[in-house]
Amino acid sequence: MTEQSISYEVRELIAEVTIDRPPVNALSSSEWKDLTEVFYSIGSRNDVSVVILTAAGRGFCAGADIQETAADTNGRIIVQVNKACRECFAAIYDCPVPVIGAIHGFCVGGGIGLAGSCDMLIAAENATFGLPEIDRGALGAATHLIRLFPPLKARRMFYTGSTVDAHEAYRLGAVEKVVAPDELLEEARNLAREITDKSIEALRLAKESLNGIELIDVKKSYRFEQGFTLELFTSEDSAEARRAFVEKRPPSFKKKRQ
């Protein structure tokens, strides 16, 4: 495990998982796998009632490390990244106990996949949510965005790359509470303590039952949309978007589809 990037500890039935990958918590495919392994490990324990997923640094998560995929010309790397993200989001969603996301700063790209796989969210006042993928030559995490926001709002965000701040996310029902950044982790712990008062067996059955009646099949839906991510990634426009992002210039896209 990449201990410097992903760590966790368990105290009084609460597991706290921390992402710490400076400068923006953008994870490589191996680090997505590390996070997956952490959630499988936590799920196998009998002394955990609830998990808090949080992050160190400037923001929660900027998604996949674009430096890993920037030079990918044949789609082989993006397939690895897609698989690692898919398995990570599924591990959080399938975690046998409730998962609380404690979100601060930017929650974008794959960060939306993480947040949208949780059972509930607490947000700091400086939190922002969005999917800038359309400006990076990619797609993804629309399934998880729609778990957080109403469908038409999610579509606007997906098409434009626009973001939603913490207070708007609260108004739309995506987060439980908005607090000052220095109160975020303690507020998440307060919510976690409410959950630890319950029977672990009951919590596990409740989680399984809620996942079973989800209105969308989260894992199947995300797998479906990833096919379009791969199709776009291998296009000329996608390559141009990645080059422009790395070179810090406006992209020059084709005006007609061939």
Protein backbone atom coordinates (compact mmCIF):
# COMPACT_ATOMS: atom_id res chain seq x y z
CA MET A 1 0.00 0.00 0.00
CA THR A 2 1.11 3.57 -0.70
CA GLU A 3 0.93 4.54 2.95
CA GLN A 4 1.75 8.20 2.29
CA SER A 5 -1.31 8.54 0.05
CA ILE A 6 -3.97 6.38 1.70
CA SER A 7 -4.19 5.61 5.41
CA TYR A 8 -6.79 4.57 7.94
CA GLU A 9 -7.28 4.01 11.63
CA VAL A 10 -10.07 2.56 13.76
CA ARG A 11 -11.18 4.01 17.09
CA GLU A 12 -14.35 3.22 19.03
CA LEU A 13 -16.09 1.49 16.10
CA ILE A 14 -15.28 4.34 13.68
CA ALA A 15 -12.83 3.84 10.81
CA GLU A 16 -11.32 7.03 9.42
CA VAL A 17 -9.83 6.79 5.92
CA THR A 18 -7.64 9.69 4.80
CA ILE A 19 -6.47 10.55 1.28
CA ASP A 20 -3.21 12.51 1.32
CA ARG A 21 -1.64 12.83 -2.11
CA PRO A 22 -0.33 16.40 -2.65
CA PRO A 23 -0.84 18.73 -4.31
CA VAL A 24 -4.51 18.06 -5.19
CA ASN A 25 -5.23 14.46 -4.14
CA ALA A 26 -5.34 13.28 -7.76
CA LEU A 27 -4.82 9.52 -7.58
CA SER A 28 -2.90 7.20 -9.87
CA SER A 29 -4.35 3.82 -10.82
CA SER A 30 -2.22 2.13 -8.14
CA GLU A 31 -3.52 4.55 -5.50
CA TRP A 32 -7.13 3.91 -6.51
CA LYS A 33 -6.32 0.23 -5.92
CA ASP A 34 -4.85 1.07 -2.51
CA LEU A 35 -8.07 2.82 -1.54
CA THR A 36 -10.07 -0.17 -2.76
CA GLU A 37 -8.00 -2.51 -0.59
CA VAL A 38 -8.54 -0.27 2.44
CA PHE A 39 -12.32 -0.50 2.08
CA TYR A 40 -12.22 -4.26 1.61
CA SER A 41 -10.05 -4.52 4.72
CA ILE A 42 -12.44 -2.37 6.75
CA GLY A 43 -15.43 -4.34 5.49
CA SER A 44 -13.93 -7.58 6.75
CA ARG A 45 -13.54 -6.28 10.31
CA ASN A 46 -16.10 -6.95 13.04
CA ASP A 47 -15.19 -3.88 15.11
CA VAL A 48 -16.37 -1.16 12.69
CA SER A 49 -19.86 0.36 12.60
CA VAL A 50 -19.21 3.29 10.29
CA VAL A 51 -16.50 4.77 8.06
CA ILE A 52 -15.49 8.41 7.56
CA LEU A 53 -13.79 9.13 4.23
CA THR A 54 -11.82 12.36 4.38
CA ALA A 55 -8.75 14.00 2.89
CA ALA A 56 -5.79 16.16 3.84
CA GLY A 57 -4.56 19.25 2.03
CA ARG A 58 -6.27 21.82 -0.18
CA GLY A 59 -9.25 19.75 -1.27
CA PHE A 60 -11.00 16.41 -1.07
CA CYS A 61 -10.05 14.85 -4.42
CA ALA A 62 -9.29 16.09 -7.93
CA GLY A 63 -9.92 12.66 -9.44
CA ALA A 64 -7.53 10.67 -11.59
CA ASP A 65 -3.96 11.84 -12.11
CA ILE A 66 -4.05 13.36 -15.59
CA GLN A 67 -0.26 13.07 -15.83
CA GLU A 68 -0.70 9.29 -15.92
CA THR A 69 -3.00 9.44 -18.94
CA ALA A 70 -1.68 12.53 -20.76
CA ALA A 71 0.70 10.52 -22.95
CA ASP A 72 -1.70 7.60 -23.52
CA THR A 73 -2.15 7.27 -27.29
CA ASN A 74 -3.74 3.83 -27.63
CA GLY A 75 -6.15 3.74 -24.68
CA ARG A 76 -4.27 1.09 -22.70
CA ILE A 77 -3.62 3.31 -19.68
CA ILE A 78 -7.15 4.71 -19.56
CA VAL A 79 -8.50 1.15 -19.45
CA GLN A 80 -6.37 0.51 -16.35
CA VAL A 81 -7.47 3.78 -14.75
CA ASN A 82 -11.14 3.13 -15.55
CA LYS A 83 -10.96 -0.32 -14.00
CA ALA A 84 -9.21 0.97 -10.87
CA CYS A 85 -11.77 3.77 -10.39
CA ARG A 86 -14.71 1.47 -11.02
CA GLU A 87 -13.51 -1.06 -8.47
CA CYS A 88 -12.76 1.66 -5.92
CA PHE A 89 -16.19 3.28 -6.18
CA ALA A 90 -17.82 -0.15 -5.95
CA ALA A 91 -15.80 -1.01 -2.82
CA ILE A 92 -17.07 2.13 -1.10
CA TYR A 93 -20.64 1.64 -2.27
CA ASP A 94 -20.56 -2.04 -1.23
CA CYS A 95 -18.81 -1.39 2.10
CA PRO A 96 -20.93 -3.40 4.56
CA VAL A 97 -21.35 -0.42 6.92
CA PRO A 98 -22.36 3.21 6.26
CA VAL A 99 -19.75 5.55 4.80
CA ILE A 100 -19.72 9.28 5.63
CA GLY A 101 -17.87 11.54 3.21
CA ALA A 102 -16.26 14.62 4.82
CA ILE A 103 -15.75 17.00 1.90
CA HIS A 104 -13.65 20.16 1.85
CA GLY A 105 -12.31 22.28 -0.99
CA PHE A 106 -12.60 20.78 -4.46
CA CYS A 107 -14.53 17.56 -5.02
CA VAL A 108 -14.23 17.08 -8.76
CA GLY A 109 -13.79 14.33 -11.33
CA GLY A 110 -13.15 11.06 -9.55
CA GLY A 111 -13.81 12.93 -6.30
CA ILE A 112 -17.47 12.96 -7.36
CA GLY A 113 -17.24 9.19 -7.81
CA LEU A 114 -15.99 8.87 -4.23
CA ALA A 115 -18.57 11.26 -2.77
CA GLY A 116 -21.39 9.73 -4.80
CA SER A 117 -20.49 6.25 -3.52
CA CYS A 118 -20.89 7.33 0.12
CA ASP A 119 -24.06 7.00 2.18
CA MET A 120 -24.09 10.61 3.39
CA LEU A 121 -21.93 13.72 3.18
CA ILE A 122 -20.85 16.57 5.44
CA ALA A 123 -19.34 19.55 3.61
CA ALA A 124 -17.09 22.40 4.62
CA GLU A 125 -18.17 25.88 3.57
CA ASN A 126 -15.37 25.97 0.99
CA ALA A 127 -16.42 22.75 -0.73
CA THR A 128 -17.23 22.73 -4.45
CA PHE A 129 -18.60 19.84 -6.50
CA GLY A 130 -18.21 19.33 -10.24
CA LEU A 131 -17.18 17.23 -13.23
CA PRO A 132 -14.72 19.17 -15.43
CA GLU A 133 -14.08 16.04 -17.53
CA ILE A 134 -15.68 17.47 -20.66
CA ASP A 135 -12.86 20.06 -20.73
CA ARG A 136 -10.20 17.38 -20.20
CA GLY A 137 -11.12 15.10 -23.08
CA ALA A 138 -12.93 12.62 -20.87
CA LEU A 139 -16.28 11.62 -19.37
CA GLY A 140 -17.20 9.76 -16.22
CA ALA A 141 -18.93 9.67 -12.82
CA ALA A 142 -22.29 10.87 -14.18
CA THR A 143 -23.84 7.94 -12.30
CA HIS A 144 -22.45 9.29 -9.04
CA LEU A 145 -23.29 12.89 -9.89
CA ILE A 146 -26.94 11.87 -10.35
CA ARG A 147 -26.85 10.18 -6.93
CA LEU A 148 -25.94 13.60 -5.49
CA PHE A 149 -27.96 16.07 -7.54
CA PRO A 150 -31.31 16.16 -9.36
CA PRO A 151 -31.02 14.72 -12.89
CA LEU A 152 -31.46 17.95 -14.83
CA LYS A 153 -29.04 19.84 -12.59
CA ALA A 154 -26.56 17.01 -13.02
CA ARG A 155 -26.94 17.17 -16.80
CA ARG A 156 -26.15 20.88 -16.82
CA MET A 157 -23.06 20.26 -14.70
CA PHE A 158 -22.00 17.38 -16.93
CA TYR A 159 -22.41 19.31 -20.21
CA THR A 160 -20.80 22.56 -19.03
CA GLY A 161 -18.26 21.47 -16.44
CA SER A 162 -19.84 23.95 -14.00
CA THR A 163 -19.54 23.52 -10.24
CA VAL A 164 -21.90 23.72 -7.26
CA ASP A 165 -20.81 25.21 -3.95
CA ALA A 166 -21.46 23.68 -0.54
CA HIS A 167 -24.53 25.76 0.27
CA GLU A 168 -26.15 24.98 -3.09
CA ALA A 169 -25.32 21.31 -2.57
CA TYR A 170 -27.08 21.49 0.80
CA ARG A 171 -30.10 23.20 -0.76
CA LEU A 172 -30.31 20.43 -3.36
CA GLY A 173 -30.07 17.71 -0.71
CA ALA A 174 -26.62 16.37 -1.58
CA VAL A 175 -25.06 17.08 1.84
CA GLU A 176 -26.32 16.68 5.39
CA LYS A 177 -24.76 19.81 6.81
CA VAL A 178 -22.38 22.64 5.92
CA VAL A 179 -19.84 23.67 8.54
CA ALA A 180 -16.66 25.72 8.89
CA PRO A 181 -13.61 23.90 7.49
CA ASP A 182 -12.04 23.49 10.93
CA GLU A 183 -15.24 21.85 12.20
CA LEU A 184 -15.64 19.38 9.34
CA LEU A 185 -14.00 16.28 10.77
CA GLU A 186 -15.54 16.70 14.21
CA GLU A 187 -19.01 17.12 12.67
CA ALA A 188 -18.47 13.92 10.67
CA ARG A 189 -17.41 12.18 13.88
CA ASN A 190 -20.53 13.41 15.66
CA LEU A 191 -22.69 11.86 12.94
CA ALA A 192 -20.59 8.69 13.09
CA ARG A 193 -21.12 8.45 16.86
CA GLU A 194 -24.89 8.50 16.34
CA ILE A 195 -24.47 5.47 14.10
CA THR A 196 -22.18 3.57 16.51
CA ASP A 197 -25.04 3.46 19.02
CA LYS A 198 -26.85 1.05 16.69
CA SER A 199 -26.45 -2.70 16.33
CA ILE A 200 -23.62 -3.57 13.93
CA GLU A 201 -25.68 -6.46 12.58
CA ALA A 202 -28.65 -4.14 11.99
CA LEU A 203 -26.45 -1.57 10.27
CA ARG A 204 -25.00 -4.15 7.91
CA LEU A 205 -28.43 -5.49 7.00
CA ALA A 206 -29.73 -1.93 6.58
CA LYS A 207 -26.86 -1.08 4.22
CA GLU A 208 -27.39 -4.22 2.15
CA SER A 209 -31.13 -3.60 1.95
CA LEU A 210 -30.74 0.04 0.90
CA ASN A 211 -28.27 -0.89 -1.82
CA GLY A 212 -30.66 -3.59 -2.97
CA ILE A 213 -33.54 -1.14 -3.51
CA GLU A 214 -31.46 1.62 -5.15
CA LEU A 215 -33.45 3.08 -8.03
CA ILE A 216 -30.48 2.74 -10.35
CA ASP A 217 -27.95 -0.07 -10.51
CA VAL A 218 -24.96 2.09 -9.61
CA LYS A 219 -22.26 -0.37 -10.66
CA LYS A 220 -23.93 -1.38 -13.93
CA SER A 221 -24.72 2.24 -14.77
CA TYR A 222 -21.14 3.38 -14.19
CA ARG A 223 -19.78 0.46 -16.23
CA PHE A 224 -22.08 1.48 -19.08
CA GLU A 225 -20.92 5.10 -19.13
CA GLN A 226 -17.26 4.09 -18.98
CA GLY A 227 -17.62 2.63 -22.47
CA PHE A 228 -18.29 6.14 -23.74
CA THR A 229 -15.34 7.45 -21.74
CA LEU A 230 -13.06 5.06 -23.62
CA GLU A 231 -14.62 5.94 -26.98
CA LEU A 232 -14.08 9.66 -26.39
CA PHE A 233 -10.58 9.16 -24.99
CA THR A 234 -9.36 7.60 -28.24
CA SER A 235 -10.67 10.52 -30.33
CA GLU A 236 -8.67 13.40 -31.80
CA ASP A 237 -10.62 15.97 -29.78
CA SER A 238 -9.85 14.18 -26.53
CA ALA A 239 -6.13 14.14 -27.27
CA GLU A 240 -6.27 17.86 -28.08
CA ALA A 241 -8.09 18.59 -24.80
CA ARG A 242 -5.43 16.75 -22.80
CA ARG A 243 -2.59 18.50 -24.61
CA ALA A 244 -4.22 21.89 -24.08
CA PHE A 245 -4.73 21.20 -20.38
CA VAL A 246 -1.11 20.19 -19.84
CA GLU A 247 0.15 23.10 -21.97
CA LYS A 248 -2.22 25.56 -20.22
CA ARG A 249 -3.80 26.89 -23.42
CA PRO A 250 -7.31 26.91 -24.94
CA PRO A 251 -8.07 23.77 -26.95
CA SER A 252 -8.75 23.84 -30.68
CA PHE A 253 -11.53 21.36 -31.45
CA LYS A 254 -12.95 20.21 -34.77
CA LYS A 255 -16.17 22.07 -35.60
CA LYS A 256 -17.75 19.15 -37.40
CA ARG A 257 -17.99 15.49 -36.55
CA GLN A 258 -16.38 13.27 -39.16
